[in-house]
């Protein structure tokens, strides 16, 4: 089952759309934990295939022309041996036949793990932690890949930096999203942001009732 993150929940919404094919629960949660922390990089291909239909829809709509990802820090990558989101993003870019940018975003300093933070502290925890290269980002329409969205704070921060570096648009795609009361419904959005539903169609947040 899929879930759309409520874009208007953020004070400043920087990404243009979001999709995740799964909730972060049950077997999906176990799989992603093994992939991320259990030294199983071979899982990347399977996860990428589950995310590919949404990416293909964005490509058909002419919405994206480049792929990048939310990077982990250099120190964490050395310890883990790989960056799980980079592996997924590289496979999706290859399947789409579009440019993969491995250095569009850089994590400029390490921060305490997001999964250890309370809901609202996650936004402050990642503030200023990322930078983007304007020479790579200018005029690009990015598909931004990550493994898990909890609050969307990290995606939002990375999307912000990509746009500061003059990217035209940023569309987010993760393997899973945490099901929570904040993420359960669409919310009204004056900026008329869009999301992709499970069937791959575009729906406007503007038509939804935030109080339902």
C-alpha atoms as a PDB file:
ATOM      1  CA  UNK A   1       0.000   0.000   0.000  1.00  0.00           C
ATOM      2  CA  UNK A   2       1.310   3.460  -0.850  1.00  0.00           C
ATOM      3  CA  UNK A   3       1.262   6.743   0.983  1.00  0.00           C
ATOM      4  CA  UNK A   4       1.514  10.375  -0.048  1.00  0.00           C
ATOM      5  CA  UNK A   5       3.329  12.720   2.312  1.00  0.00           C
ATOM      6  CA  UNK A   6       1.293  15.846   3.219  1.00  0.00           C
ATOM      7  CA  UNK A   7       3.394  18.512   1.560  1.00  0.00           C
ATOM      8  CA  UNK A   8       1.665  21.419   3.311  1.00  0.00           C
ATOM      9  CA  UNK A   9       2.618  20.046   6.716  1.00  0.00           C
ATOM     10  CA  UNK A  10       5.963  21.767   6.239  1.00  0.00           C
ATOM     11  CA  UNK A  11       6.438  25.457   7.025  1.00  0.00           C
ATOM     12  CA  UNK A  12       8.104  25.818   3.631  1.00  0.00           C
ATOM     13  CA  UNK A  13       7.427  23.144   1.044  1.00  0.00           C
ATOM     14  CA  UNK A  14      10.399  22.774  -1.258  1.00  0.00           C
ATOM     15  CA  UNK A  15       9.664  19.570  -3.173  1.00  0.00           C
ATOM     16  CA  UNK A  16       7.108  19.415  -5.980  1.00  0.00           C
ATOM     17  CA  UNK A  17       5.789  15.897  -5.540  1.00  0.00           C
ATOM     18  CA  UNK A  18       6.282  12.780  -3.458  1.00  0.00           C
ATOM     19  CA  UNK A  19       5.636   9.071  -3.859  1.00  0.00           C
ATOM     20  CA  UNK A  20       6.402   5.921  -1.859  1.00  0.00           C
ATOM     21  CA  UNK A  21       5.210   2.458  -2.896  1.00  0.00           C
ATOM     22  CA  UNK A  22       5.102   1.078   0.675  1.00  0.00           C
ATOM     23  CA  UNK A  23       4.438   1.948   4.274  1.00  0.00           C
ATOM     24  CA  UNK A  24       7.430   1.436   6.567  1.00  0.00           C
ATOM     25  CA  UNK A  25       6.027  -1.561   8.432  1.00  0.00           C
ATOM     26  CA  UNK A  26       6.120  -5.352   8.589  1.00  0.00           C
ATOM     27  CA  UNK A  27       8.209  -7.188   6.015  1.00  0.00           C
ATOM     28  CA  UNK A  28       9.058  -3.950   4.186  1.00  0.00           C
ATOM     29  CA  UNK A  29      10.509  -2.482   7.375  1.00  0.00           C
ATOM     30  CA  UNK A  30      12.550  -5.638   8.006  1.00  0.00           C
ATOM     31  CA  UNK A  31      13.848  -5.587   4.434  1.00  0.00           C
ATOM     32  CA  UNK A  32      14.913  -1.938   4.595  1.00  0.00           C
ATOM     33  CA  UNK A  33      16.603  -2.374   7.978  1.00  0.00           C
ATOM     34  CA  UNK A  34      18.582  -5.308   6.564  1.00  0.00           C
ATOM     35  CA  UNK A  35      19.498  -3.246   3.510  1.00  0.00           C
ATOM     36  CA  UNK A  36      20.508  -0.176   5.491  1.00  0.00           C
ATOM     37  CA  UNK A  37      22.180  -1.674   8.553  1.00  0.00           C
ATOM     38  CA  UNK A  38      22.688  -5.368   7.833  1.00  0.00           C
ATOM     39  CA  UNK A  39      25.351  -5.203   5.123  1.00  0.00           C
ATOM     40  CA  UNK A  40      23.040  -6.414   2.347  1.00  0.00           C
ATOM     41  CA  UNK A  41      23.668  -4.084  -0.623  1.00  0.00           C
ATOM     42  CA  UNK A  42      22.266  -6.734  -2.971  1.00  0.00           C
ATOM     43  CA  UNK A  43      18.762  -5.707  -1.845  1.00  0.00           C
ATOM     44  CA  UNK A  44      19.122  -2.419  -3.769  1.00  0.00           C
ATOM     45  CA  UNK A  45      18.010  -3.907  -7.074  1.00  0.00           C
ATOM     46  CA  UNK A  46      14.771  -5.296  -5.684  1.00  0.00           C
ATOM     47  CA  UNK A  47      13.910  -2.016  -3.950  1.00  0.00           C
ATOM     48  CA  UNK A  48      14.668   0.005  -7.066  1.00  0.00           C
ATOM     49  CA  UNK A  49      12.287  -2.164  -9.107  1.00  0.00           C
ATOM     50  CA  UNK A  50       9.447  -1.434  -6.686  1.00  0.00           C
ATOM     51  CA  UNK A  51      10.063   2.312  -7.020  1.00  0.00           C
ATOM     52  CA  UNK A  52      10.514   2.297 -10.784  1.00  0.00           C
ATOM     53  CA  UNK A  53       6.833   2.601 -11.904  1.00  0.00           C
ATOM     54  CA  UNK A  54       6.479   6.008 -10.220  1.00  0.00           C
ATOM     55  CA  UNK A  55       9.784   7.159 -11.699  1.00  0.00           C
ATOM     56  CA  UNK A  56       8.678   6.022 -15.168  1.00  0.00           C
ATOM     57  CA  UNK A  57       5.433   7.951 -14.794  1.00  0.00           C
ATOM     58  CA  UNK A  58       7.340  11.125 -13.967  1.00  0.00           C
ATOM     59  CA  UNK A  59       9.569  10.577 -16.984  1.00  0.00           C
ATOM     60  CA  UNK A  60       6.581  10.036 -19.293  1.00  0.00           C
ATOM     61  CA  UNK A  61       5.066  13.285 -18.052  1.00  0.00           C
ATOM     62  CA  UNK A  62       8.315  15.117 -18.830  1.00  0.00           C
ATOM     63  CA  UNK A  63       8.640  16.024 -15.169  1.00  0.00           C
ATOM     64  CA  UNK A  64      12.193  14.792 -14.505  1.00  0.00           C
ATOM     65  CA  UNK A  65      15.409  14.762 -16.519  1.00  0.00           C
ATOM     66  CA  UNK A  66      17.986  13.826 -13.866  1.00  0.00           C
ATOM     67  CA  UNK A  67      18.317  11.600 -10.809  1.00  0.00           C
ATOM     68  CA  UNK A  68      20.091  12.344  -7.528  1.00  0.00           C
ATOM     69  CA  UNK A  69      19.799  11.118  -3.955  1.00  0.00           C
ATOM     70  CA  UNK A  70      19.938  12.077  -0.276  1.00  0.00           C
ATOM     71  CA  UNK A  71      23.546  11.271   0.685  1.00  0.00           C
ATOM     72  CA  UNK A  72      24.794   9.936   3.983  1.00  0.00           C
ATOM     73  CA  UNK A  73      27.972  11.435   5.453  1.00  0.00           C
ATOM     74  CA  UNK A  74      31.403  10.317   4.246  1.00  0.00           C
ATOM     75  CA  UNK A  75      32.202   8.844   7.664  1.00  0.00           C
ATOM     76  CA  UNK A  76      28.989   6.829   7.748  1.00  0.00           C
ATOM     77  CA  UNK A  77      29.569   5.596   4.214  1.00  0.00           C
ATOM     78  CA  UNK A  78      33.058   4.402   5.170  1.00  0.00           C
ATOM     79  CA  UNK A  79      31.653   2.481   8.120  1.00  0.00           C
ATOM     80  CA  UNK A  80      28.704   0.997   6.213  1.00  0.00           C
ATOM     81  CA  UNK A  81      30.605   0.390   3.000  1.00  0.00           C
ATOM     82  CA  UNK A  82      27.920   1.873   0.751  1.00  0.00           C
ATOM     83  CA  UNK A  83      25.252   4.559   0.555  1.00  0.00           C
ATOM     84  CA  UNK A  84      21.901   2.778   0.249  1.00  0.00           C
ATOM     85  CA  UNK A  85      20.084   5.681  -1.434  1.00  0.00           C
ATOM     86  CA  UNK A  86      22.908   6.149  -3.929  1.00  0.00           C
ATOM     87  CA  UNK A  87      22.658   2.491  -4.936  1.00  0.00           C
ATOM     88  CA  UNK A  88      18.902   2.755  -5.511  1.00  0.00           C
ATOM     89  CA  UNK A  89      19.198   6.047  -7.389  1.00  0.00           C
ATOM     90  CA  UNK A  90      21.918   4.747  -9.705  1.00  0.00           C
ATOM     91  CA  UNK A  91      19.765   1.774 -10.719  1.00  0.00           C
ATOM     92  CA  UNK A  92      16.679   3.908 -11.299  1.00  0.00           C
ATOM     93  CA  UNK A  93      18.637   6.405 -13.417  1.00  0.00           C
ATOM     94  CA  UNK A  94      20.017   3.554 -15.537  1.00  0.00           C
ATOM     95  CA  UNK A  95      16.544   2.067 -16.050  1.00  0.00           C
ATOM     96  CA  UNK A  96      15.114   5.468 -16.982  1.00  0.00           C
ATOM     97  CA  UNK A  97      18.023   6.224 -19.299  1.00  0.00           C
ATOM     98  CA  UNK A  98      18.633   9.669 -17.810  1.00  0.00           C
ATOM     99  CA  UNK A  99      21.596  11.365 -16.132  1.00  0.00           C
ATOM    100  CA  UNK A 100      22.624  10.282 -12.641  1.00  0.00           C
ATOM    101  CA  UNK A 101      24.200  13.025 -10.511  1.00  0.00           C
ATOM    102  CA  UNK A 102      26.184  11.533  -7.654  1.00  0.00           C
ATOM    103  CA  UNK A 103      27.563  14.886  -6.461  1.00  0.00           C
ATOM    104  CA  UNK A 104      24.589  17.207  -6.899  1.00  0.00           C
ATOM    105  CA  UNK A 105      24.037  17.151  -3.111  1.00  0.00           C
ATOM    106  CA  UNK A 106      26.686  16.804  -0.426  1.00  0.00           C
ATOM    107  CA  UNK A 107      26.240  16.264   3.295  1.00  0.00           C
ATOM    108  CA  UNK A 108      28.591  18.923   4.619  1.00  0.00           C
ATOM    109  CA  UNK A 109      28.517  17.856   8.250  1.00  0.00           C
ATOM    110  CA  UNK A 110      27.243  14.896  10.201  1.00  0.00           C
ATOM    111  CA  UNK A 111      24.246  15.204  12.507  1.00  0.00           C
ATOM    112  CA  UNK A 112      22.686  12.877  15.080  1.00  0.00           C
ATOM    113  CA  UNK A 113      20.627  10.158  13.329  1.00  0.00           C
ATOM    114  CA  UNK A 114      17.161  11.334  12.350  1.00  0.00           C
ATOM    115  CA  UNK A 115      15.531   8.174  13.724  1.00  0.00           C
ATOM    116  CA  UNK A 116      16.696   9.216  17.205  1.00  0.00           C
ATOM    117  CA  UNK A 117      14.952  12.615  16.991  1.00  0.00           C
ATOM    118  CA  UNK A 118      11.417  13.573  17.985  1.00  0.00           C
ATOM    119  CA  UNK A 119       9.063  14.750  15.259  1.00  0.00           C
ATOM    120  CA  UNK A 120       9.661  18.504  15.234  1.00  0.00           C
ATOM    121  CA  UNK A 121      13.354  18.321  16.149  1.00  0.00           C
ATOM    122  CA  UNK A 122      13.999  16.438  12.899  1.00  0.00           C
ATOM    123  CA  UNK A 123      13.544  19.670  10.920  1.00  0.00           C
ATOM    124  CA  UNK A 124      16.127  21.582  12.945  1.00  0.00           C
ATOM    125  CA  UNK A 125      18.455  18.598  13.066  1.00  0.00           C
ATOM    126  CA  UNK A 126      19.077  18.651   9.294  1.00  0.00           C
ATOM    127  CA  UNK A 127      19.021  22.432   8.822  1.00  0.00           C
ATOM    128  CA  UNK A 128      22.207  23.428   7.012  1.00  0.00           C
ATOM    129  CA  UNK A 129      23.529  19.852   6.883  1.00  0.00           C
ATOM    130  CA  UNK A 130      23.437  19.669   3.056  1.00  0.00           C
ATOM    131  CA  UNK A 131      24.781  21.713   0.180  1.00  0.00           C
ATOM    132  CA  UNK A 132      24.168  21.522  -3.573  1.00  0.00           C
ATOM    133  CA  UNK A 133      26.427  22.258  -6.539  1.00  0.00           C
ATOM    134  CA  UNK A 134      24.947  24.929  -8.796  1.00  0.00           C
ATOM    135  CA  UNK A 135      27.115  23.861 -11.740  1.00  0.00           C
ATOM    136  CA  UNK A 136      25.334  20.487 -11.659  1.00  0.00           C
ATOM    137  CA  UNK A 137      21.863  21.611 -10.575  1.00  0.00           C
ATOM    138  CA  UNK A 138      21.065  24.651 -12.713  1.00  0.00           C
ATOM    139  CA  UNK A 139      17.892  24.180 -14.797  1.00  0.00           C
ATOM    140  CA  UNK A 140      17.608  20.486 -13.894  1.00  0.00           C
ATOM    141  CA  UNK A 141      14.357  18.723 -13.014  1.00  0.00           C
ATOM    142  CA  UNK A 142      15.464  16.261 -10.355  1.00  0.00           C
ATOM    143  CA  UNK A 143      14.098  12.967  -9.151  1.00  0.00           C
ATOM    144  CA  UNK A 144      15.375  12.897  -5.546  1.00  0.00           C
ATOM    145  CA  UNK A 145      15.758   9.382  -4.123  1.00  0.00           C
ATOM    146  CA  UNK A 146      15.873   8.258  -0.492  1.00  0.00           C
ATOM    147  CA  UNK A 147      15.106   4.983   1.261  1.00  0.00           C
ATOM    148  CA  UNK A 148      12.611   6.026   3.977  1.00  0.00           C
ATOM    149  CA  UNK A 149      10.527   9.149   4.630  1.00  0.00           C
ATOM    150  CA  UNK A 150       9.471   9.652   8.229  1.00  0.00           C
ATOM    151  CA  UNK A 151       8.542  13.327   8.492  1.00  0.00           C
ATOM    152  CA  UNK A 152      10.029  14.314   5.141  1.00  0.00           C
ATOM    153  CA  UNK A 153      12.343  16.812   6.869  1.00  0.00           C
ATOM    154  CA  UNK A 154      15.491  15.521   5.157  1.00  0.00           C
ATOM    155  CA  UNK A 155      13.847  15.415   1.735  1.00  0.00           C
ATOM    156  CA  UNK A 156      12.576  18.938   2.243  1.00  0.00           C
ATOM    157  CA  UNK A 157      16.008  20.243   3.258  1.00  0.00           C
ATOM    158  CA  UNK A 158      17.700  18.605   0.264  1.00  0.00           C
ATOM    159  CA  UNK A 159      15.022  19.888  -2.103  1.00  0.00           C
ATOM    160  CA  UNK A 160      15.543  23.376  -0.686  1.00  0.00           C
ATOM    161  CA  UNK A 161      19.275  23.234  -1.346  1.00  0.00           C
ATOM    162  CA  UNK A 162      18.763  21.917  -4.884  1.00  0.00           C
ATOM    163  CA  UNK A 163      16.468  24.836  -5.635  1.00  0.00           C
ATOM    164  CA  UNK A 164      18.878  27.340  -4.073  1.00  0.00           C
ATOM    165  CA  UNK A 165      21.367  25.880  -6.564  1.00  0.00           C
ATOM    166  CA  UNK A 166      18.823  26.763  -9.293  1.00  0.00           C
ATOM    167  CA  UNK A 167      17.240  23.384  -9.953  1.00  0.00           C
ATOM    168  CA  UNK A 168      13.913  23.910 -11.681  1.00  0.00           C
ATOM    169  CA  UNK A 169      11.975  21.247  -9.767  1.00  0.00           C
ATOM    170  CA  UNK A 170      12.453  18.397  -7.299  1.00  0.00           C
ATOM    171  CA  UNK A 171      10.259  15.294  -7.189  1.00  0.00           C
ATOM    172  CA  UNK A 172      10.815  12.927  -4.276  1.00  0.00           C
ATOM    173  CA  UNK A 173      10.643   9.138  -4.390  1.00  0.00           C
ATOM    174  CA  UNK A 174      11.332   6.834  -1.445  1.00  0.00           C
ATOM    175  CA  UNK A 175      10.926   3.102  -0.931  1.00  0.00           C
ATOM    176  CA  UNK A 176       8.680   3.568   2.098  1.00  0.00           C
ATOM    177  CA  UNK A 177       6.997   6.186   4.259  1.00  0.00           C
ATOM    178  CA  UNK A 178       6.163   5.963   7.947  1.00  0.00           C
ATOM    179  CA  UNK A 179       2.419   5.778   8.564  1.00  0.00           C
ATOM    180  CA  UNK A 180       1.469   8.353  11.195  1.00  0.00           C
ATOM    181  CA  UNK A 181      -1.366  10.697  12.020  1.00  0.00           C
ATOM    182  CA  UNK A 182       0.592  13.486  10.317  1.00  0.00           C
ATOM    183  CA  UNK A 183       1.015  11.471   7.130  1.00  0.00           C
ATOM    184  CA  UNK A 184      -2.407   9.870   6.903  1.00  0.00           C
ATOM    185  CA  UNK A 185      -4.287  12.454   4.842  1.00  0.00           C
ATOM    186  CA  UNK A 186      -3.620  15.102   2.264  1.00  0.00           C
ATOM    187  CA  UNK A 187      -3.547  18.650   3.533  1.00  0.00           C
ATOM    188  CA  UNK A 188      -4.563  21.857   1.778  1.00  0.00           C
ATOM    189  CA  UNK A 189      -1.672  23.552  -0.004  1.00  0.00           C
ATOM    190  CA  UNK A 190      -1.894  27.102  -1.314  1.00  0.00           C
ATOM    191  CA  UNK A 191       1.064  26.464  -3.603  1.00  0.00           C
ATOM    192  CA  UNK A 192      -0.940  23.732  -5.352  1.00  0.00           C
ATOM    193  CA  UNK A 193       1.806  21.114  -4.998  1.00  0.00           C
ATOM    194  CA  UNK A 194       1.198  17.714  -6.528  1.00  0.00           C
ATOM    195  CA  UNK A 195       1.745  14.167  -5.440  1.00  0.00           C
ATOM    196  CA  UNK A 196       1.524  10.823  -7.206  1.00  0.00           C
ATOM    197  CA  UNK A 197      -0.972   8.295  -5.963  1.00  0.00           C
ATOM    198  CA  UNK A 198      -0.617   4.526  -6.004  1.00  0.00           C
ATOM    199  CA  UNK A 199      -1.911   4.254  -9.558  1.00  0.00           C
ATOM    200  CA  UNK A 200       0.719   6.689 -10.813  1.00  0.00           C
ATOM    201  CA  UNK A 201      -1.766   9.471 -11.520  1.00  0.00           C
ATOM    202  CA  UNK A 202      -1.239  13.076 -10.516  1.00  0.00           C
ATOM    203  CA  UNK A 203      -3.568  14.576  -7.928  1.00  0.00           C
ATOM    204  CA  UNK A 204      -3.675  18.136  -6.629  1.00  0.00           C
ATOM    205  CA  UNK A 205      -3.501  18.815  -2.918  1.00  0.00           C
ATOM    206  CA  UNK A 206      -5.585  21.931  -3.493  1.00  0.00           C
ATOM    207  CA  UNK A 207      -8.806  19.950  -3.758  1.00  0.00           C
ATOM    208  CA  UNK A 208      -8.417  18.101  -0.448  1.00  0.00           C
ATOM    209  CA  UNK A 209      -9.961  18.971   2.864  1.00  0.00           C
ATOM    210  CA  UNK A 210      -7.353  19.271   5.660  1.00  0.00           C
ATOM    211  CA  UNK A 211     -10.002  18.777   8.340  1.00  0.00           C
ATOM    212  CA  UNK A 212     -11.466  15.487   7.213  1.00  0.00           C
END
